[in-house]
Amino acid sequence: QVQPVESGGGLVQAGGSLRLSCAASGRTFDGYAIGWFRQAPGKDRDFVAAISWSGLSTTYADSVKGRFTISRDNAKNTVFLQMNSLKPEATAVYFCSANRVYYTAIVLTTPAQYEYWGQGTQVTVSS
Protein backbone atom coordinates (compact mmCIF):
# COMPACT_ATOMS: atom_id res chain seq x y z
CA GLN A 1 0.00 0.00 0.00
CA VAL A 2 1.07 3.57 -0.55
CA GLN A 3 2.05 5.86 2.32
CA PRO A 4 2.03 9.62 1.73
CA VAL A 5 4.81 11.55 3.45
CA GLU A 6 4.46 15.35 3.72
CA SER A 7 7.23 17.92 4.03
CA GLY A 8 7.77 21.62 3.53
CA GLY A 9 5.73 23.13 6.32
CA GLY A 10 7.01 25.92 8.51
CA LEU A 11 6.52 29.44 9.76
CA VAL A 12 5.91 32.22 7.27
CA GLN A 13 4.67 35.79 7.46
CA ALA A 14 1.33 36.78 6.01
CA GLY A 15 1.67 37.36 2.29
CA GLY A 16 4.50 34.88 2.00
CA SER A 17 4.74 31.53 0.21
CA LEU A 18 5.43 27.91 1.02
CA ARG A 19 5.61 24.80 -1.11
CA LEU A 20 4.48 21.56 0.45
CA SER A 21 5.59 18.21 -0.94
CA CYS A 22 3.95 14.82 -0.65
CA ALA A 23 6.15 11.86 -1.51
CA ALA A 24 5.02 8.28 -1.98
CA SER A 25 6.47 5.66 0.32
CA GLY A 26 5.91 1.94 -0.02
CA ARG A 27 4.81 2.11 -3.63
CA THR A 28 4.27 4.71 -6.31
CA PHE A 29 1.40 7.17 -6.72
CA ASP A 30 0.62 5.61 -10.10
CA GLY A 31 -3.11 5.01 -10.19
CA TYR A 32 -3.86 7.27 -7.24
CA ALA A 33 -5.79 10.50 -6.94
CA ILE A 34 -4.22 12.85 -4.40
CA GLY A 35 -5.70 15.46 -2.11
CA TRP A 36 -4.55 18.05 0.37
CA PHE A 37 -6.56 18.81 3.48
CA ARG A 38 -5.91 21.03 6.48
CA GLN A 39 -7.01 20.95 10.07
CA ALA A 40 -6.75 23.81 12.54
CA PRO A 41 -6.97 23.14 16.29
CA GLY A 42 -10.52 22.31 17.34
CA LYS A 43 -11.83 22.33 13.78
CA ASP A 44 -12.76 19.77 11.17
CA ARG A 45 -10.39 18.57 8.48
CA ASP A 46 -11.12 20.78 5.47
CA PHE A 47 -10.52 20.19 1.80
CA VAL A 48 -7.84 22.37 0.19
CA ALA A 49 -7.01 20.96 -3.24
CA ALA A 50 -7.05 17.74 -5.24
CA ILE A 51 -5.47 16.37 -8.39
CA SER A 52 -6.35 13.46 -10.61
CA TRP A 53 -4.18 10.48 -11.40
CA SER A 54 -3.24 11.99 -14.76
CA GLY A 55 -2.60 15.41 -13.27
CA LEU A 56 -4.85 17.00 -15.87
CA SER A 57 -7.77 17.62 -13.52
CA THR A 58 -7.51 19.78 -10.42
CA THR A 59 -9.96 21.41 -8.06
CA TYR A 60 -9.64 23.84 -5.16
CA ALA A 61 -11.52 25.09 -2.15
CA ASP A 62 -12.97 28.53 -2.82
CA SER A 63 -10.84 29.98 -0.03
CA VAL A 64 -7.58 29.16 -1.83
CA LYS A 65 -8.49 29.55 -5.50
CA GLY A 66 -6.04 31.77 -7.33
CA ARG A 67 -3.44 31.52 -4.57
CA PHE A 68 -2.70 27.78 -4.21
CA THR A 69 -1.62 25.42 -6.98
CA ILE A 70 -1.54 21.64 -6.81
CA SER A 71 0.67 19.68 -9.20
CA ARG A 72 2.26 16.28 -9.49
CA ASP A 73 5.45 14.85 -10.91
CA ASN A 74 4.60 11.22 -11.54
CA ALA A 75 8.17 10.41 -12.52
CA LYS A 76 9.27 11.49 -9.03
CA ASN A 77 6.18 10.12 -7.26
CA THR A 78 5.62 13.50 -5.64
CA VAL A 79 2.71 15.90 -5.39
CA PHE A 80 3.19 19.57 -4.61
CA LEU A 81 1.06 22.30 -3.10
CA GLN A 82 2.35 25.77 -3.89
CA MET A 83 0.82 28.26 -1.48
CA ASN A 84 1.12 31.96 -2.25
CA SER A 85 -0.26 35.07 -0.56
CA LEU A 86 -0.71 33.14 2.64
CA LYS A 87 -3.12 34.43 5.27
CA PRO A 88 -3.08 33.81 9.04
CA GLU A 89 -6.25 31.72 8.71
CA ALA A 90 -4.24 29.21 6.68
CA THR A 91 -2.49 28.15 9.88
CA ALA A 92 -3.16 24.44 10.27
CA VAL A 93 -1.71 20.99 9.93
CA TYR A 94 -1.74 20.07 6.27
CA PHE A 95 -2.37 16.47 5.31
CA CYS A 96 -1.73 14.68 2.03
CA SER A 97 -4.07 11.85 1.12
CA ALA A 98 -4.21 9.22 -1.60
CA ASN A 99 -6.79 6.84 -2.98
CA ARG A 100 -6.72 4.27 -5.76
CA VAL A 101 -8.83 5.25 -8.76
CA TYR A 102 -9.56 3.57 -12.06
CA TYR A 103 -10.21 6.65 -14.19
CA THR A 104 -7.45 9.12 -14.90
CA ALA A 105 -9.59 12.27 -14.59
CA ILE A 106 -11.26 11.69 -11.25
CA VAL A 107 -10.66 14.18 -8.44
CA LEU A 108 -11.76 13.41 -4.87
CA THR A 109 -12.74 16.20 -2.49
CA THR A 110 -13.90 14.71 0.82
CA PRO A 111 -11.89 13.00 3.56
CA ALA A 112 -14.11 9.91 3.40
CA GLN A 113 -13.01 9.30 -0.19
CA TYR A 114 -9.38 8.82 0.78
CA GLU A 115 -7.92 5.68 2.28
CA TYR A 116 -4.29 6.65 2.81
CA TRP A 117 -3.13 9.62 4.85
CA GLY A 118 0.18 11.16 5.80
CA GLN A 119 1.11 12.35 9.28
CA GLY A 120 0.74 16.01 8.36
CA THR A 121 3.01 19.02 8.28
CA GLN A 122 2.46 22.19 10.31
CA VAL A 123 1.99 25.49 8.51
CA THR A 124 1.94 28.62 10.63
CA VAL A 125 1.24 32.03 9.11
CA SER A 126 2.01 34.98 11.33
CA SER A 127 0.20 38.30 10.99
C-alpha atoms as a PDB file:
ATOM      1  CA  GLN A   1       0.000   0.000   0.000  1.00  0.00           C
ATOM      2  CA  VAL A   2       1.075   3.571  -0.547  1.00  0.00           C
ATOM      3  CA  GLN A   3       2.052   5.859   2.317  1.00  0.00           C
ATOM      4  CA  PRO A   4       2.026   9.616   1.731  1.00  0.00           C
ATOM      5  CA  VAL A   5       4.807  11.554   3.452  1.00  0.00           C
ATOM      6  CA  GLU A   6       4.456  15.349   3.717  1.00  0.00           C
ATOM      7  CA  SER A   7       7.226  17.918   4.025  1.00  0.00           C
ATOM      8  CA  GLY A   8       7.770  21.623   3.529  1.00  0.00           C
ATOM      9  CA  GLY A   9       5.729  23.128   6.321  1.00  0.00           C
ATOM     10  CA  GLY A  10       7.008  25.919   8.507  1.00  0.00           C
ATOM     11  CA  LEU A  11       6.519  29.443   9.763  1.00  0.00           C
ATOM     12  CA  VAL A  12       5.910  32.220   7.266  1.00  0.00           C
ATOM     13  CA  GLN A  13       4.667  35.793   7.457  1.00  0.00           C
ATOM     14  CA  ALA A  14       1.326  36.779   6.011  1.00  0.00           C
ATOM     15  CA  GLY A  15       1.668  37.359   2.292  1.00  0.00           C
ATOM     16  CA  GLY A  16       4.500  34.876   1.995  1.00  0.00           C
ATOM     17  CA  SER A  17       4.741  31.533   0.211  1.00  0.00           C
ATOM     18  CA  LEU A  18       5.427  27.912   1.021  1.00  0.00           C
ATOM     19  CA  ARG A  19       5.605  24.799  -1.110  1.00  0.00           C
ATOM     20  CA  LEU A  20       4.482  21.556   0.449  1.00  0.00           C
ATOM     21  CA  SER A  21       5.585  18.214  -0.938  1.00  0.00           C
ATOM     22  CA  CYS A  22       3.946  14.820  -0.650  1.00  0.00           C
ATOM     23  CA  ALA A  23       6.146  11.863  -1.511  1.00  0.00           C
ATOM     24  CA  ALA A  24       5.022   8.279  -1.975  1.00  0.00           C
ATOM     25  CA  SER A  25       6.468   5.661   0.323  1.00  0.00           C
ATOM     26  CA  GLY A  26       5.906   1.937  -0.023  1.00  0.00           C
ATOM     27  CA  ARG A  27       4.810   2.109  -3.633  1.00  0.00           C
ATOM     28  CA  THR A  28       4.271   4.713  -6.306  1.00  0.00           C
ATOM     29  CA  PHE A  29       1.395   7.172  -6.716  1.00  0.00           C
ATOM     30  CA  ASP A  30       0.620   5.613 -10.095  1.00  0.00           C
ATOM     31  CA  GLY A  31      -3.111   5.011 -10.192  1.00  0.00           C
ATOM     32  CA  TYR A  32      -3.860   7.275  -7.237  1.00  0.00           C
ATOM     33  CA  ALA A  33      -5.785  10.500  -6.938  1.00  0.00           C
ATOM     34  CA  ILE A  34      -4.219  12.852  -4.401  1.00  0.00           C
ATOM     35  CA  GLY A  35      -5.703  15.456  -2.114  1.00  0.00           C
ATOM     36  CA  TRP A  36      -4.551  18.049   0.373  1.00  0.00           C
ATOM     37  CA  PHE A  37      -6.563  18.815   3.481  1.00  0.00           C
ATOM     38  CA  ARG A  38      -5.910  21.026   6.481  1.00  0.00           C
ATOM     39  CA  GLN A  39      -7.005  20.949  10.069  1.00  0.00           C
ATOM     40  CA  ALA A  40      -6.753  23.805  12.545  1.00  0.00           C
ATOM     41  CA  PRO A  41      -6.974  23.138  16.292  1.00  0.00           C
ATOM     42  CA  GLY A  42     -10.518  22.315  17.342  1.00  0.00           C
ATOM     43  CA  LYS A  43     -11.826  22.328  13.779  1.00  0.00           C
ATOM     44  CA  ASP A  44     -12.761  19.768  11.167  1.00  0.00           C
ATOM     45  CA  ARG A  45     -10.392  18.574   8.477  1.00  0.00           C
ATOM     46  CA  ASP A  46     -11.116  20.784   5.474  1.00  0.00           C
ATOM     47  CA  PHE A  47     -10.517  20.194   1.800  1.00  0.00           C
ATOM     48  CA  VAL A  48      -7.841  22.368   0.194  1.00  0.00           C
ATOM     49  CA  ALA A  49      -7.008  20.957  -3.242  1.00  0.00           C
ATOM     50  CA  ALA A  50      -7.053  17.744  -5.244  1.00  0.00           C
ATOM     51  CA  ILE A  51      -5.469  16.373  -8.386  1.00  0.00           C
ATOM     52  CA  SER A  52      -6.352  13.460 -10.608  1.00  0.00           C
ATOM     53  CA  TRP A  53      -4.180  10.477 -11.401  1.00  0.00           C
ATOM     54  CA  SER A  54      -3.240  11.992 -14.757  1.00  0.00           C
ATOM     55  CA  GLY A  55      -2.595  15.413 -13.273  1.00  0.00           C
ATOM     56  CA  LEU A  56      -4.852  17.001 -15.872  1.00  0.00           C
ATOM     57  CA  SER A  57      -7.769  17.623 -13.518  1.00  0.00           C
ATOM     58  CA  THR A  58      -7.514  19.779 -10.419  1.00  0.00           C
ATOM     59  CA  THR A  59      -9.960  21.412  -8.055  1.00  0.00           C
ATOM     60  CA  TYR A  60      -9.636  23.840  -5.155  1.00  0.00           C
ATOM     61  CA  ALA A  61     -11.519  25.094  -2.146  1.00  0.00           C
ATOM     62  CA  ASP A  62     -12.972  28.532  -2.819  1.00  0.00           C
ATOM     63  CA  SER A  63     -10.845  29.982  -0.028  1.00  0.00           C
ATOM     64  CA  VAL A  64      -7.579  29.158  -1.825  1.00  0.00           C
ATOM     65  CA  LYS A  65      -8.486  29.554  -5.503  1.00  0.00           C
ATOM     66  CA  GLY A  66      -6.040  31.766  -7.333  1.00  0.00           C
ATOM     67  CA  ARG A  67      -3.437  31.522  -4.566  1.00  0.00           C
ATOM     68  CA  PHE A  68      -2.702  27.780  -4.213  1.00  0.00           C
ATOM     69  CA  THR A  69      -1.619  25.422  -6.976  1.00  0.00           C
ATOM     70  CA  ILE A  70      -1.540  21.638  -6.806  1.00  0.00           C
ATOM     71  CA  SER A  71       0.665  19.683  -9.198  1.00  0.00           C
ATOM     72  CA  ARG A  72       2.261  16.281  -9.488  1.00  0.00           C
ATOM     73  CA  ASP A  73       5.451  14.846 -10.911  1.00  0.00           C
ATOM     74  CA  ASN A  74       4.599  11.219 -11.542  1.00  0.00           C
ATOM     75  CA  ALA A  75       8.175  10.406 -12.515  1.00  0.00           C
ATOM     76  CA  LYS A  76       9.269  11.491  -9.032  1.00  0.00           C
ATOM     77  CA  ASN A  77       6.183  10.117  -7.261  1.00  0.00           C
ATOM     78  CA  THR A  78       5.621  13.499  -5.643  1.00  0.00           C
ATOM     79  CA  VAL A  79       2.709  15.903  -5.389  1.00  0.00           C
ATOM     80  CA  PHE A  80       3.191  19.572  -4.608  1.00  0.00           C
ATOM     81  CA  LEU A  81       1.056  22.297  -3.099  1.00  0.00           C
ATOM     82  CA  GLN A  82       2.352  25.765  -3.886  1.00  0.00           C
ATOM     83  CA  MET A  83       0.823  28.256  -1.483  1.00  0.00           C
ATOM     84  CA  ASN A  84       1.123  31.958  -2.248  1.00  0.00           C
ATOM     85  CA  SER A  85      -0.256  35.071  -0.562  1.00  0.00           C
ATOM     86  CA  LEU A  86      -0.712  33.141   2.644  1.00  0.00           C
ATOM     87  CA  LYS A  87      -3.120  34.435   5.268  1.00  0.00           C
ATOM     88  CA  PRO A  88      -3.077  33.808   9.043  1.00  0.00           C
ATOM     89  CA  GLU A  89      -6.247  31.724   8.707  1.00  0.00           C
ATOM     90  CA  ALA A  90      -4.244  29.206   6.678  1.00  0.00           C
ATOM     91  CA  THR A  91      -2.491  28.151   9.883  1.00  0.00           C
ATOM     92  CA  ALA A  92      -3.157  24.438  10.268  1.00  0.00           C
ATOM     93  CA  VAL A  93      -1.710  20.986   9.934  1.00  0.00           C
ATOM     94  CA  TYR A  94      -1.744  20.066   6.268  1.00  0.00           C
ATOM     95  CA  PHE A  95      -2.374  16.466   5.306  1.00  0.00           C
ATOM     96  CA  CYS A  96      -1.733  14.680   2.032  1.00  0.00           C
ATOM     97  CA  SER A  97      -4.066  11.849   1.121  1.00  0.00           C
ATOM     98  CA  ALA A  98      -4.214   9.217  -1.598  1.00  0.00           C
ATOM     99  CA  ASN A  99      -6.789   6.838  -2.978  1.00  0.00           C
ATOM    100  CA  ARG A 100      -6.718   4.275  -5.757  1.00  0.00           C
ATOM    101  CA  VAL A 101      -8.829   5.255  -8.756  1.00  0.00           C
ATOM    102  CA  TYR A 102      -9.555   3.573 -12.058  1.00  0.00           C
ATOM    103  CA  TYR A 103     -10.205   6.649 -14.192  1.00  0.00           C
ATOM    104  CA  THR A 104      -7.447   9.122 -14.896  1.00  0.00           C
ATOM    105  CA  ALA A 105      -9.586  12.272 -14.593  1.00  0.00           C
ATOM    106  CA  ILE A 106     -11.265  11.686 -11.246  1.00  0.00           C
ATOM    107  CA  VAL A 107     -10.661  14.177  -8.436  1.00  0.00           C
ATOM    108  CA  LEU A 108     -11.758  13.409  -4.874  1.00  0.00           C
ATOM    109  CA  THR A 109     -12.735  16.195  -2.490  1.00  0.00           C
ATOM    110  CA  THR A 110     -13.899  14.707   0.820  1.00  0.00           C
ATOM    111  CA  PRO A 111     -11.888  12.995   3.560  1.00  0.00           C
ATOM    112  CA  ALA A 112     -14.110   9.909   3.400  1.00  0.00           C
ATOM    113  CA  GLN A 113     -13.011   9.298  -0.195  1.00  0.00           C
ATOM    114  CA  TYR A 114      -9.375   8.822   0.776  1.00  0.00           C
ATOM    115  CA  GLU A 115      -7.923   5.680   2.284  1.00  0.00           C
ATOM    116  CA  TYR A 116      -4.294   6.649   2.810  1.00  0.00           C
ATOM    117  CA  TRP A 117      -3.126   9.624   4.853  1.00  0.00           C
ATOM    118  CA  GLY A 118       0.177  11.161   5.796  1.00  0.00           C
ATOM    119  CA  GLN A 119       1.113  12.354   9.283  1.00  0.00           C
ATOM    120  CA  GLY A 120       0.745  16.010   8.360  1.00  0.00           C
ATOM    121  CA  THR A 121       3.009  19.024   8.280  1.00  0.00           C
ATOM    122  CA  GLN A 122       2.463  22.190  10.313  1.00  0.00           C
ATOM    123  CA  VAL A 123       1.985  25.487   8.509  1.00  0.00           C
ATOM    124  CA  THR A 124       1.939  28.622  10.625  1.00  0.00           C
ATOM    125  CA  VAL A 125       1.237  32.028   9.109  1.00  0.00           C
ATOM    126  CA  SER A 126       2.007  34.983  11.331  1.00  0.00           C
ATOM    127  CA  SER A 127       0.200  38.301  10.991  1.00  0.00           C
END
